C-alpha atoms as a PDB file:
ATOM      1  CA  MET A   1      38.079  48.662  63.308  1.00  0.00           C
ATOM      2  CA  SER A   2      39.869  47.005  60.432  1.00  0.00           C
ATOM      3  CA  ASN A   3      39.944  48.620  57.010  1.00  0.00           C
ATOM      4  CA  PRO A   4      36.816  47.556  55.029  1.00  0.00           C
ATOM      5  CA  ASN A   5      39.030  47.047  51.966  1.00  0.00           C
ATOM      6  CA  LEU A   6      40.179  43.770  53.504  1.00  0.00           C
ATOM      7  CA  LYS A   7      37.161  42.025  52.000  1.00  0.00           C
ATOM      8  CA  GLU A   8      38.219  40.334  48.768  1.00  0.00           C
ATOM      9  CA  ASN A   9      36.057  39.817  45.699  1.00  0.00           C
ATOM     10  CA  LYS A  10      36.665  36.103  45.148  1.00  0.00           C
ATOM     11  CA  PHE A  11      34.815  36.079  41.828  1.00  0.00           C
ATOM     12  CA  LYS A  12      37.056  38.836  40.503  1.00  0.00           C
ATOM     13  CA  ARG A  13      40.125  36.950  41.736  1.00  0.00           C
ATOM     14  CA  ALA A  14      39.015  33.825  39.871  1.00  0.00           C
ATOM     15  CA  LEU A  15      38.565  35.847  36.693  1.00  0.00           C
ATOM     16  CA  VAL A  16      41.990  37.496  36.726  1.00  0.00           C
ATOM     17  CA  SER A  17      44.110  34.619  38.106  1.00  0.00           C
ATOM     18  CA  PRO A  18      44.692  32.896  34.724  1.00  0.00           C
ATOM     19  CA  PHE A  19      46.131  36.098  33.270  1.00  0.00           C
ATOM     20  CA  ARG A  20      48.602  37.020  36.017  1.00  0.00           C
ATOM     21  CA  ASN A  21      51.626  35.289  34.522  1.00  0.00           C
ATOM     22  CA  ILE A  22      50.888  36.757  31.101  1.00  0.00           C
ATOM     23  CA  VAL A  23      50.840  40.291  32.527  1.00  0.00           C
ATOM     24  CA  LYS A  24      54.042  39.610  34.476  1.00  0.00           C
ATOM     25  CA  ALA A  25      55.785  38.518  31.293  1.00  0.00           C
ATOM     26  CA  ILE A  26      54.615  41.545  29.319  1.00  0.00           C
ATOM     27  CA  SER A  27      55.221  44.241  31.931  1.00  0.00           C
ATOM     28  CA  LYS A  28      56.292  43.878  35.554  1.00  0.00           C
ATOM     29  CA  THR A  29      55.354  47.500  36.142  1.00  0.00           C
ATOM     30  CA  ALA A  30      51.828  46.971  34.858  1.00  0.00           C
ATOM     31  CA  TYR A  31      51.495  43.830  36.960  1.00  0.00           C
ATOM     32  CA  VAL A  32      52.668  45.560  40.152  1.00  0.00           C
ATOM     33  CA  LYS A  33      50.362  48.535  39.592  1.00  0.00           C
ATOM     34  CA  TYR A  34      47.403  46.243  39.027  1.00  0.00           C
ATOM     35  CA  GLN A  35      48.288  44.029  41.993  1.00  0.00           C
ATOM     36  CA  TYR A  36      48.597  47.079  44.228  1.00  0.00           C
ATOM     37  CA  LYS A  37      45.217  48.442  43.091  1.00  0.00           C
ATOM     38  CA  TYR A  38      43.550  45.047  43.414  1.00  0.00           C
ATOM     39  CA  ILE A  39      44.783  44.450  46.979  1.00  0.00           C
ATOM     40  CA  THR A  40      44.815  47.944  48.504  1.00  0.00           C
ATOM     41  CA  HIS A  41      42.051  49.538  46.400  1.00  0.00           C
ATOM     42  CA  HIS A  42      44.333  52.534  45.792  1.00  0.00           C
ATOM     43  CA  LYS A  43      45.770  53.647  42.478  1.00  0.00           C
ATOM     44  CA  CYS A  44      49.559  53.279  42.431  1.00  0.00           C
ATOM     45  CA  ASP A  45      51.233  56.552  41.449  1.00  0.00           C
ATOM     46  CA  LEU A  46      54.824  55.738  40.509  1.00  0.00           C
ATOM     47  CA  THR A  47      55.504  59.202  39.067  1.00  0.00           C
ATOM     48  CA  ASN A  48      54.904  61.081  42.302  1.00  0.00           C
ATOM     49  CA  PRO A  49      54.444  58.474  45.036  1.00  0.00           C
ATOM     50  CA  THR A  50      53.359  59.832  48.419  1.00  0.00           C
ATOM     51  CA  ARG A  51      52.099  56.804  50.297  1.00  0.00           C
ATOM     52  CA  TYR A  52      54.537  54.524  52.119  1.00  0.00           C
ATOM     53  CA  THR A  53      53.097  51.575  50.217  1.00  0.00           C
ATOM     54  CA  GLU A  54      53.473  53.386  46.883  1.00  0.00           C
ATOM     55  CA  LYS A  55      57.093  54.196  47.595  1.00  0.00           C
ATOM     56  CA  LEU A  56      57.724  50.543  48.412  1.00  0.00           C
ATOM     57  CA  GLN A  57      56.391  49.671  44.950  1.00  0.00           C
ATOM     58  CA  TYR A  58      58.835  52.127  43.383  1.00  0.00           C
ATOM     59  CA  LEU A  59      61.735  50.616  45.326  1.00  0.00           C
ATOM     60  CA  ARG A  60      60.483  47.116  44.508  1.00  0.00           C
ATOM     61  CA  LEU A  61      60.463  47.787  40.770  1.00  0.00           C
ATOM     62  CA  PHE A  62      63.246  50.257  40.025  1.00  0.00           C
ATOM     63  CA  VAL A  63      65.755  50.424  42.896  1.00  0.00           C
ATOM     64  CA  TYR A  64      66.242  47.261  44.907  1.00  0.00           C
ATOM     65  CA  PRO A  65      66.708  44.834  41.977  1.00  0.00           C
ATOM     66  CA  LYS A  66      69.686  46.943  40.829  1.00  0.00           C
ATOM     67  CA  ASP A  67      71.386  47.124  44.224  1.00  0.00           C
ATOM     68  CA  PRO A  68      73.842  44.235  44.844  1.00  0.00           C
ATOM     69  CA  LEU A  69      73.863  44.925  48.586  1.00  0.00           C
ATOM     70  CA  VAL A  70      70.073  44.602  48.737  1.00  0.00           C
ATOM     71  CA  VAL A  71      70.346  41.281  46.877  1.00  0.00           C
ATOM     72  CA  GLN A  72      72.996  40.100  49.328  1.00  0.00           C
ATOM     73  CA  CYS A  73      71.060  41.137  52.410  1.00  0.00           C
ATOM     74  CA  ALA A  74      67.762  39.702  51.158  1.00  0.00           C
ATOM     75  CA  GLY A  75      69.413  36.266  51.086  1.00  0.00           C
ATOM     76  CA  ARG A  76      69.636  34.274  54.288  1.00  0.00           C
ATOM     77  CA  ALA A  77      73.229  33.239  53.659  1.00  0.00           C
ATOM     78  CA  GLY A  78      74.515  36.498  52.180  1.00  0.00           C
ATOM     79  CA  VAL A  79      73.145  38.641  54.979  1.00  0.00           C
ATOM     80  CA  ARG A  80      75.279  36.743  57.486  1.00  0.00           C
ATOM     81  CA  GLU A  81      78.402  38.006  55.733  1.00  0.00           C
ATOM     82  CA  TYR A  82      76.990  41.538  55.836  1.00  0.00           C
ATOM     83  CA  LEU A  83      76.446  41.305  59.599  1.00  0.00           C
ATOM     84  CA  LYS A  84      80.002  40.109  60.098  1.00  0.00           C
ATOM     85  CA  LYS A  85      81.326  43.126  58.182  1.00  0.00           C
ATOM     86  CA  ARG A  86      79.179  45.466  60.286  1.00  0.00           C
ATOM     87  CA  GLY A  87      80.514  43.980  63.530  1.00  0.00           C
ATOM     88  CA  PHE A  88      77.516  41.912  64.581  1.00  0.00           C
ATOM     89  CA  ILE A  89      78.893  38.388  64.281  1.00  0.00           C
ATOM     90  CA  ASP A  90      77.868  37.747  67.889  1.00  0.00           C
ATOM     91  CA  LYS A  91      74.226  38.449  66.994  1.00  0.00           C
ATOM     92  CA  LEU A  92      73.997  35.690  64.386  1.00  0.00           C
ATOM     93  CA  ILE A  93      71.969  32.573  65.124  1.00  0.00           C
ATOM     94  CA  PRO A  94      74.297  29.520  65.024  1.00  0.00           C
ATOM     95  CA  ILE A  95      73.953  27.370  61.909  1.00  0.00           C
ATOM     96  CA  TYR A  96      74.675  23.712  61.133  1.00  0.00           C
ATOM     97  CA  GLY A  97      75.458  24.278  57.481  1.00  0.00           C
ATOM     98  CA  VAL A  98      74.422  25.628  54.088  1.00  0.00           C
ATOM     99  CA  PHE A  99      73.569  23.031  51.439  1.00  0.00           C
ATOM    100  CA  ASP A 100      73.041  23.196  47.692  1.00  0.00           C
ATOM    101  CA  LYS A 101      70.802  20.118  47.670  1.00  0.00           C
ATOM    102  CA  PHE A 102      68.555  18.351  50.157  1.00  0.00           C
ATOM    103  CA  SER A 103      70.446  15.118  49.496  1.00  0.00           C
ATOM    104  CA  ASP A 104      73.647  16.767  50.785  1.00  0.00           C
ATOM    105  CA  ILE A 105      72.211  16.991  54.316  1.00  0.00           C
ATOM    106  CA  ASP A 106      73.398  14.378  56.805  1.00  0.00           C
ATOM    107  CA  PHE A 107      70.498  14.294  59.256  1.00  0.00           C
ATOM    108  CA  ASP A 108      72.447  12.018  61.616  1.00  0.00           C
ATOM    109  CA  LYS A 109      74.751  14.945  62.352  1.00  0.00           C
ATOM    110  CA  LEU A 110      71.895  17.343  63.135  1.00  0.00           C
ATOM    111  CA  PRO A 111      70.476  17.852  66.637  1.00  0.00           C
ATOM    112  CA  ASP A 112      66.933  16.800  67.482  1.00  0.00           C
ATOM    113  CA  GLN A 113      65.629  20.327  66.896  1.00  0.00           C
ATOM    114  CA  PHE A 114      66.542  22.823  64.144  1.00  0.00           C
ATOM    115  CA  VAL A 115      65.113  25.118  61.474  1.00  0.00           C
ATOM    116  CA  MET A 116      65.538  24.627  57.718  1.00  0.00           C
ATOM    117  CA  LYS A 117      65.148  27.616  55.398  1.00  0.00           C
ATOM    118  CA  CYS A 118      65.637  28.352  51.741  1.00  0.00           C
ATOM    119  CA  THR A 119      68.169  31.124  51.292  1.00  0.00           C
ATOM    120  CA  HIS A 120      66.474  32.768  48.305  1.00  0.00           C
ATOM    121  CA  ALA A 121      62.907  33.228  49.473  1.00  0.00           C
ATOM    122  CA  CYS A 122      60.507  34.255  52.192  1.00  0.00           C
ATOM    123  CA  ALA A 123      58.421  31.684  54.105  1.00  0.00           C
ATOM    124  CA  PHE A 124      60.093  28.619  52.564  1.00  0.00           C
ATOM    125  CA  ASN A 125      60.834  27.258  56.037  1.00  0.00           C
ATOM    126  CA  TYR A 126      60.491  24.104  58.109  1.00  0.00           C
ATOM    127  CA  ILE A 127      60.702  23.981  61.909  1.00  0.00           C
ATOM    128  CA  CYS A 128      61.789  20.636  63.324  1.00  0.00           C
ATOM    129  CA  TYR A 129      60.859  20.028  66.955  1.00  0.00           C
ATOM    130  CA  ASP A 130      61.619  16.303  66.876  1.00  0.00           C
ATOM    131  CA  LYS A 131      63.965  14.837  64.269  1.00  0.00           C
ATOM    132  CA  SER A 132      62.640  11.319  64.779  1.00  0.00           C
ATOM    133  CA  LYS A 133      59.237  12.368  63.406  1.00  0.00           C
ATOM    134  CA  ILE A 134      60.481  13.793  60.093  1.00  0.00           C
ATOM    135  CA  ASP A 135      59.007  12.350  56.923  1.00  0.00           C
ATOM    136  CA  LYS A 136      62.181  12.794  54.886  1.00  0.00           C
ATOM    137  CA  LYS A 137      60.637  11.894  51.540  1.00  0.00           C
ATOM    138  CA  ALA A 138      57.860  14.427  51.935  1.00  0.00           C
ATOM    139  CA  LEU A 139      60.282  17.045  53.242  1.00  0.00           C
ATOM    140  CA  GLU A 140      62.695  16.432  50.368  1.00  0.00           C
ATOM    141  CA  LYS A 141      59.878  16.817  47.851  1.00  0.00           C
ATOM    142  CA  LYS A 142      58.871  20.122  49.432  1.00  0.00           C
ATOM    143  CA  PHE A 143      62.384  21.552  49.500  1.00  0.00           C
ATOM    144  CA  ASN A 144      63.190  20.368  45.984  1.00  0.00           C
ATOM    145  CA  LYS A 145      60.115  22.240  44.766  1.00  0.00           C
ATOM    146  CA  TRP A 146      61.124  25.350  46.710  1.00  0.00           C
ATOM    147  CA  LEU A 147      64.701  25.234  45.428  1.00  0.00           C
ATOM    148  CA  LYS A 148      63.428  25.129  41.838  1.00  0.00           C
ATOM    149  CA  THR A 149      61.135  28.118  42.421  1.00  0.00           C
ATOM    150  CA  ASN A 150      62.370  31.488  41.215  1.00  0.00           C
ATOM    151  CA  TYR A 151      60.845  33.342  44.145  1.00  0.00           C
ATOM    152  CA  GLY A 152      61.753  36.795  42.855  1.00  0.00           C
ATOM    153  CA  LYS A 153      60.120  36.144  39.507  1.00  0.00           C
ATOM    154  CA  LYS A 154      57.084  34.548  41.133  1.00  0.00           C
ATOM    155  CA  THR A 155      56.382  37.474  43.477  1.00  0.00           C
ATOM    156  CA  VAL A 156      57.863  40.208  41.247  1.00  0.00           C
ATOM    157  CA  GLU A 157      60.334  41.096  43.987  1.00  0.00           C
ATOM    158  CA  MET A 158      63.273  40.847  41.634  1.00  0.00           C
ATOM    159  CA  HIS A 159      65.938  41.496  44.277  1.00  0.00           C
ATOM    160  CA  TYR A 160      65.360  37.860  45.300  1.00  0.00           C
ATOM    161  CA  ALA A 161      65.884  36.489  41.792  1.00  0.00           C
ATOM    162  CA  PRO A 162      69.739  36.482  41.687  1.00  0.00           C
ATOM    163  CA  ILE A 163      70.090  34.781  45.087  1.00  0.00           C
ATOM    164  CA  LYS A 164      71.492  31.267  44.856  1.00  0.00           C
ATOM    165  CA  PRO A 165      68.871  28.741  46.026  1.00  0.00           C
ATOM    166  CA  GLN A 166      70.297  26.818  48.967  1.00  0.00           C
ATOM    167  CA  ILE A 167      69.159  25.341  52.257  1.00  0.00           C
ATOM    168  CA  ILE A 168      70.453  26.880  55.470  1.00  0.00           C
ATOM    169  CA  ILE A 169      69.939  25.001  58.718  1.00  0.00           C
ATOM    170  CA  GLU A 170      69.837  27.076  61.889  1.00  0.00           C
ATOM    171  CA  LYS A 171      69.657  26.354  65.575  1.00  0.00           C
ATOM    172  CA  LEU A 172      66.049  26.400  66.771  1.00  0.00           C
ATOM    173  CA  MET A 173      65.801  29.413  69.059  1.00  0.00           C
ATOM    174  CA  LEU A 174      63.251  29.013  71.836  1.00  0.00           C
ATOM    175  CA  GLU A 175      62.271  31.094  74.824  1.00  0.00           C
ATOM    176  CA  ASP A 176      60.648  29.236  77.698  1.00  0.00           C
ATOM    177  CA  GLY A 177      60.048  26.351  75.315  1.00  0.00           C
ATOM    178  CA  LYS A 178      58.201  28.512  72.763  1.00  0.00           C
ATOM    179  CA  LEU A 179      59.109  30.403  69.613  1.00  0.00           C
ATOM    180  CA  PRO A 180      60.553  33.739  70.723  1.00  0.00           C
ATOM    181  CA  THR A 181      58.981  37.170  70.389  1.00  0.00           C
ATOM    182  CA  GLU A 182      59.972  38.935  67.155  1.00  0.00           C
ATOM    183  CA  TYR A 183      60.757  42.657  66.958  1.00  0.00           C
ATOM    184  CA  LYS A 184      60.349  43.963  63.404  1.00  0.00           C
ATOM    185  CA  ILE A 185      61.909  47.421  63.232  1.00  0.00           C
ATOM    186  CA  HIS A 186      61.144  49.704  60.280  1.00  0.00           C
ATOM    187  CA  VAL A 187      64.062  51.953  59.349  1.00  0.00           C
ATOM    188  CA  PHE A 188      63.434  54.895  57.002  1.00  0.00           C
ATOM    189  CA  ASN A 189      66.483  56.620  55.509  1.00  0.00           C
ATOM    190  CA  GLY A 190      68.639  55.326  58.349  1.00  0.00           C
ATOM    191  CA  LYS A 191      66.260  56.202  61.190  1.00  0.00           C
ATOM    192  CA  ALA A 192      64.126  53.683  63.068  1.00  0.00           C
ATOM    193  CA  ARG A 193      60.599  55.078  63.177  1.00  0.00           C
ATOM    194  CA  SER A 194      58.179  52.276  63.948  1.00  0.00           C
ATOM    195  CA  MET A 195      57.921  48.561  64.442  1.00  0.00           C
ATOM    196  CA  TYR A 196      55.622  45.707  65.244  1.00  0.00           C
ATOM    197  CA  VAL A 197      56.025  42.905  67.736  1.00  0.00           C
ATOM    198  CA  VAL A 198      55.007  39.342  66.904  1.00  0.00           C
ATOM    199  CA  THR A 199      54.017  37.114  69.808  1.00  0.00           C
ATOM    200  CA  SER A 200      52.643  33.574  70.177  1.00  0.00           C
ATOM    201  CA  ARG A 201      53.747  32.478  66.711  1.00  0.00           C
ATOM    202  CA  GLY A 202      52.528  28.956  66.024  1.00  0.00           C
ATOM    203  CA  VAL A 203      49.883  29.151  68.766  1.00  0.00           C
ATOM    204  CA  ASP A 204      47.711  32.276  68.618  1.00  0.00           C
ATOM    205  CA  ILE A 205      49.810  34.748  66.661  1.00  0.00           C
ATOM    206  CA  ARG A 206      49.413  38.462  67.469  1.00  0.00           C
ATOM    207  CA  TYR A 207      50.887  41.668  66.050  1.00  0.00           C
ATOM    208  CA  ASN A 208      51.287  44.855  68.085  1.00  0.00           C
ATOM    209  CA  ASN A 209      52.295  48.025  66.223  1.00  0.00           C
ATOM    210  CA  TYR A 210      54.262  50.816  67.904  1.00  0.00           C
ATOM    211  CA  TYR A 211      56.166  53.950  67.159  1.00  0.00           C
ATOM    212  CA  ILE A 212      59.824  53.414  67.955  1.00  0.00           C
ATOM    213  CA  ASP A 213      59.389  55.083  71.370  1.00  0.00           C
ATOM    214  CA  TRP A 214      56.919  52.308  72.224  1.00  0.00           C
ATOM    215  CA  THR A 215      53.846  54.542  71.841  1.00  0.00           C
ATOM    216  CA  PRO A 216      50.987  52.533  70.264  1.00  0.00           C
ATOM    217  CA  PHE A 217      50.687  52.962  66.494  1.00  0.00           C
ATOM    218  CA  ASP A 218      47.455  51.034  66.116  1.00  0.00           C
ATOM    219  CA  GLY A 219      46.467  52.685  62.837  1.00  0.00           C
ATOM    220  CA  SER A 220      49.406  50.991  61.135  1.00  0.00           C
ATOM    221  CA  GLN A 221      47.989  47.565  61.974  1.00  0.00           C
ATOM    222  CA  PHE A 222      47.739  45.814  58.623  1.00  0.00           C
ATOM    223  CA  ASN A 223      45.983  43.086  56.659  1.00  0.00           C
ATOM    224  CA  GLY A 224      43.431  42.424  59.410  1.00  0.00           C
ATOM    225  CA  TRP A 225      45.939  40.959  61.840  1.00  0.00           C
ATOM    226  CA  LYS A 226      45.027  41.186  65.520  1.00  0.00           C
ATOM    227  CA  LYS A 227      46.986  42.547  68.460  1.00  0.00           C
ATOM    228  CA  THR A 228      47.129  41.217  72.001  1.00  0.00           C
ATOM    229  CA  ASP A 229      44.481  42.258  74.507  1.00  0.00           C
ATOM    230  CA  TYR A 230      47.225  43.284  76.936  1.00  0.00           C
ATOM    231  CA  PRO A 231      50.110  45.782  76.634  1.00  0.00           C
ATOM    232  CA  LEU A 232      53.596  44.531  75.819  1.00  0.00           C
ATOM    233  CA  ASN A 233      56.652  45.575  77.754  1.00  0.00           C
ATOM    234  CA  LYS A 234      59.751  47.060  76.202  1.00  0.00           C
ATOM    235  CA  PRO A 235      62.532  44.421  76.207  1.00  0.00           C
ATOM    236  CA  ASP A 236      65.902  44.784  77.886  1.00  0.00           C
ATOM    237  CA  HIS A 237      68.543  46.531  75.774  1.00  0.00           C
ATOM    238  CA  TRP A 238      65.893  48.103  73.547  1.00  0.00           C
ATOM    239  CA  ASN A 239      68.159  51.059  72.697  1.00  0.00           C
ATOM    240  CA  ASP A 240      70.842  48.603  71.595  1.00  0.00           C
ATOM    241  CA  MET A 241      68.320  46.953  69.287  1.00  0.00           C
ATOM    242  CA  ILE A 242      67.414  50.308  67.750  1.00  0.00           C
ATOM    243  CA  GLU A 243      71.070  51.210  67.274  1.00  0.00           C
ATOM    244  CA  MET A 244      71.810  47.860  65.652  1.00  0.00           C
ATOM    245  CA  SER A 245      68.875  48.164  63.256  1.00  0.00           C
ATOM    246  CA  GLU A 246      69.938  51.665  62.203  1.00  0.00           C
ATOM    247  CA  ILE A 247      73.531  50.596  61.594  1.00  0.00           C
ATOM    248  CA  LEU A 248      72.410  47.666  59.447  1.00  0.00           C
ATOM    249  CA  ALA A 249      69.890  49.816  57.558  1.00  0.00           C
ATOM    250  CA  GLU A 250      72.228  52.751  56.935  1.00  0.00           C
ATOM    251  CA  PRO A 251      72.905  52.024  53.198  1.00  0.00           C
ATOM    252  CA  PHE A 252      69.232  51.624  52.273  1.00  0.00           C
ATOM    253  CA  PRO A 253      66.271  53.995  51.856  1.00  0.00           C
ATOM    254  CA  PHE A 254      64.042  51.512  53.678  1.00  0.00           C
ATOM    255  CA  VAL A 255      64.395  48.119  55.282  1.00  0.00           C
ATOM    256  CA  ARG A 256      62.711  46.193  58.064  1.00  0.00           C
ATOM    257  CA  VAL A 257      65.232  44.674  60.465  1.00  0.00           C
ATOM    258  CA  ASP A 258      63.922  41.676  62.403  1.00  0.00           C
ATOM    259  CA  LEU A 259      65.477  40.874  65.760  1.00  0.00           C
ATOM    260  CA  TYR A 260      64.943  38.575  68.708  1.00  0.00           C
ATOM    261  CA  ASN A 261      65.677  39.342  72.351  1.00  0.00           C
ATOM    262  CA  ILE A 262      65.957  36.026  74.154  1.00  0.00           C
ATOM    263  CA  ASN A 263      66.569  36.274  77.881  1.00  0.00           C
ATOM    264  CA  GLY A 264      68.254  39.634  77.353  1.00  0.00           C
ATOM    265  CA  LYS A 265      70.480  38.538  74.436  1.00  0.00           C
ATOM    266  CA  ILE A 266      69.876  40.074  71.008  1.00  0.00           C
ATOM    267  CA  TYR A 267      69.813  37.859  67.908  1.00  0.00           C
ATOM    268  CA  PHE A 268      69.404  38.790  64.262  1.00  0.00           C
ATOM    269  CA  SER A 269      66.628  37.181  62.212  1.00  0.00           C
ATOM    270  CA  GLU A 270      66.443  38.780  58.750  1.00  0.00           C
ATOM    271  CA  MET A 271      66.170  41.959  56.692  1.00  0.00           C
ATOM    272  CA  THR A 272      63.054  42.530  54.596  1.00  0.00           C
ATOM    273  CA  PHE A 273      63.010  45.227  51.925  1.00  0.00           C
ATOM    274  CA  THR A 274      59.452  44.916  50.610  1.00  0.00           C
ATOM    275  CA  PRO A 275      57.228  43.666  53.458  1.00  0.00           C
ATOM    276  CA  ALA A 276      54.223  41.831  52.036  1.00  0.00           C
ATOM    277  CA  LYS A 277      55.383  43.124  48.631  1.00  0.00           C
ATOM    278  CA  GLY A 278      54.374  46.581  49.884  1.00  0.00           C
ATOM    279  CA  THR A 279      50.713  45.710  49.342  1.00  0.00           C
ATOM    280  CA  LEU A 280      49.659  46.474  52.911  1.00  0.00           C
ATOM    281  CA  ILE A 281      46.116  47.393  53.886  1.00  0.00           C
ATOM    282  CA  LEU A 282      46.478  49.606  56.959  1.00  0.00           C
ATOM    283  CA  ASP A 283      43.676  49.966  59.486  1.00  0.00           C
ATOM    284  CA  ASP A 284      43.956  53.762  59.229  1.00  0.00           C
ATOM    285  CA  ASP A 285      44.711  55.032  55.748  1.00  0.00           C
ATOM    286  CA  LYS A 286      46.260  58.197  57.224  1.00  0.00           C
ATOM    287  CA  CYS A 287      49.151  56.103  58.513  1.00  0.00           C
ATOM    288  CA  ASP A 288      50.106  55.212  54.943  1.00  0.00           C
ATOM    289  CA  PHE A 289      50.737  58.918  54.269  1.00  0.00           C
ATOM    290  CA  GLU A 290      52.407  59.485  57.641  1.00  0.00           C
ATOM    291  CA  MET A 291      54.883  56.689  56.993  1.00  0.00           C
ATOM    292  CA  GLY A 292      55.273  57.955  53.441  1.00  0.00           C
ATOM    293  CA  GLU A 293      56.554  61.244  54.824  1.00  0.00           C
ATOM    294  CA  TRP A 294      59.295  59.362  56.654  1.00  0.00           C
ATOM    295  CA  LEU A 295      60.571  57.749  53.449  1.00  0.00           C
ATOM    296  CA  ASP A 296      62.464  60.032  51.071  1.00  0.00           C
ATOM    297  CA  ILE A 297      63.148  58.424  47.686  1.00  0.00           C
ATOM    298  CA  ASN A 298      63.440  61.639  45.670  1.00  0.00           C
ATOM    299  CA  LYS A 299      67.044  60.975  44.663  1.00  0.00           C
ATOM    300  CA  TYR A 300      65.998  57.699  43.026  1.00  0.00           C
ATOM    301  CA  ILE A 301      63.040  59.247  41.216  1.00  0.00           C
ATOM    302  CA  ASN A 302      65.088  62.216  39.994  1.00  0.00           C
ATOM    303  CA  ALA A 303      67.899  59.964  38.796  1.00  0.00           C
ATOM    304  CA  LYS A 304      65.631  57.700  36.775  1.00  0.00           C
END
């Protein structure tokens, strides 16, 4: 059964919405603490955080914005250079270019199918299945708006703020004609502990949560998302995927490493340092504390 805290008070949201930007400008810490309490219904203790979601707020505010490697790896262009340095160039999805402006893109040189993404943000994406059906004016308007958006400032995930806004165009990766299964591996202090698997994206999206040994971790299901009504099988080369995620995550206290496994070949998707801004509502509140035990941030708190 999903966490009852998922139900939102829409009247309360309408009351506070006009003041969000004012609070952000006055104090990012105050804004994050209020946002966390509003969404999760838990007080955010930044002095002695114990929950996984609390510790993500601490990293979000005080650690990740100051780490140049986090900034690099949060960007869709910069992270490619990081993978090359770590020896995973063969796991990168092929790209058709990185562009500063929409008007720089020569669509005649692109294939019929591709994916366009902003380098400095999450979810600023466009999937093209048929180039002949693109409304270029509408698409340009959308991307121009996205490129002008300071995503880090907007979401108070300030590690995104220094990333140069660009458009990266990738090869559209499909598996049996559909968007591939995504494996989102959570790495805590260099050790992969849990993950969730995303299937049927764009059709009937589902999220299955597991411990890293593929034992169900249903209590960590979050934000009311539903899992499949059938068990998922471990992909080929699963141990290689775990090893890759741990190598990439080694410098960071926490990061989620997203991978694909398409017909037995591993591809890198992205690295996410503050999933859902850390404001996750878990089906079982105990899992928040369990995952919190996996994440040691004492050296950052003591050094503050």
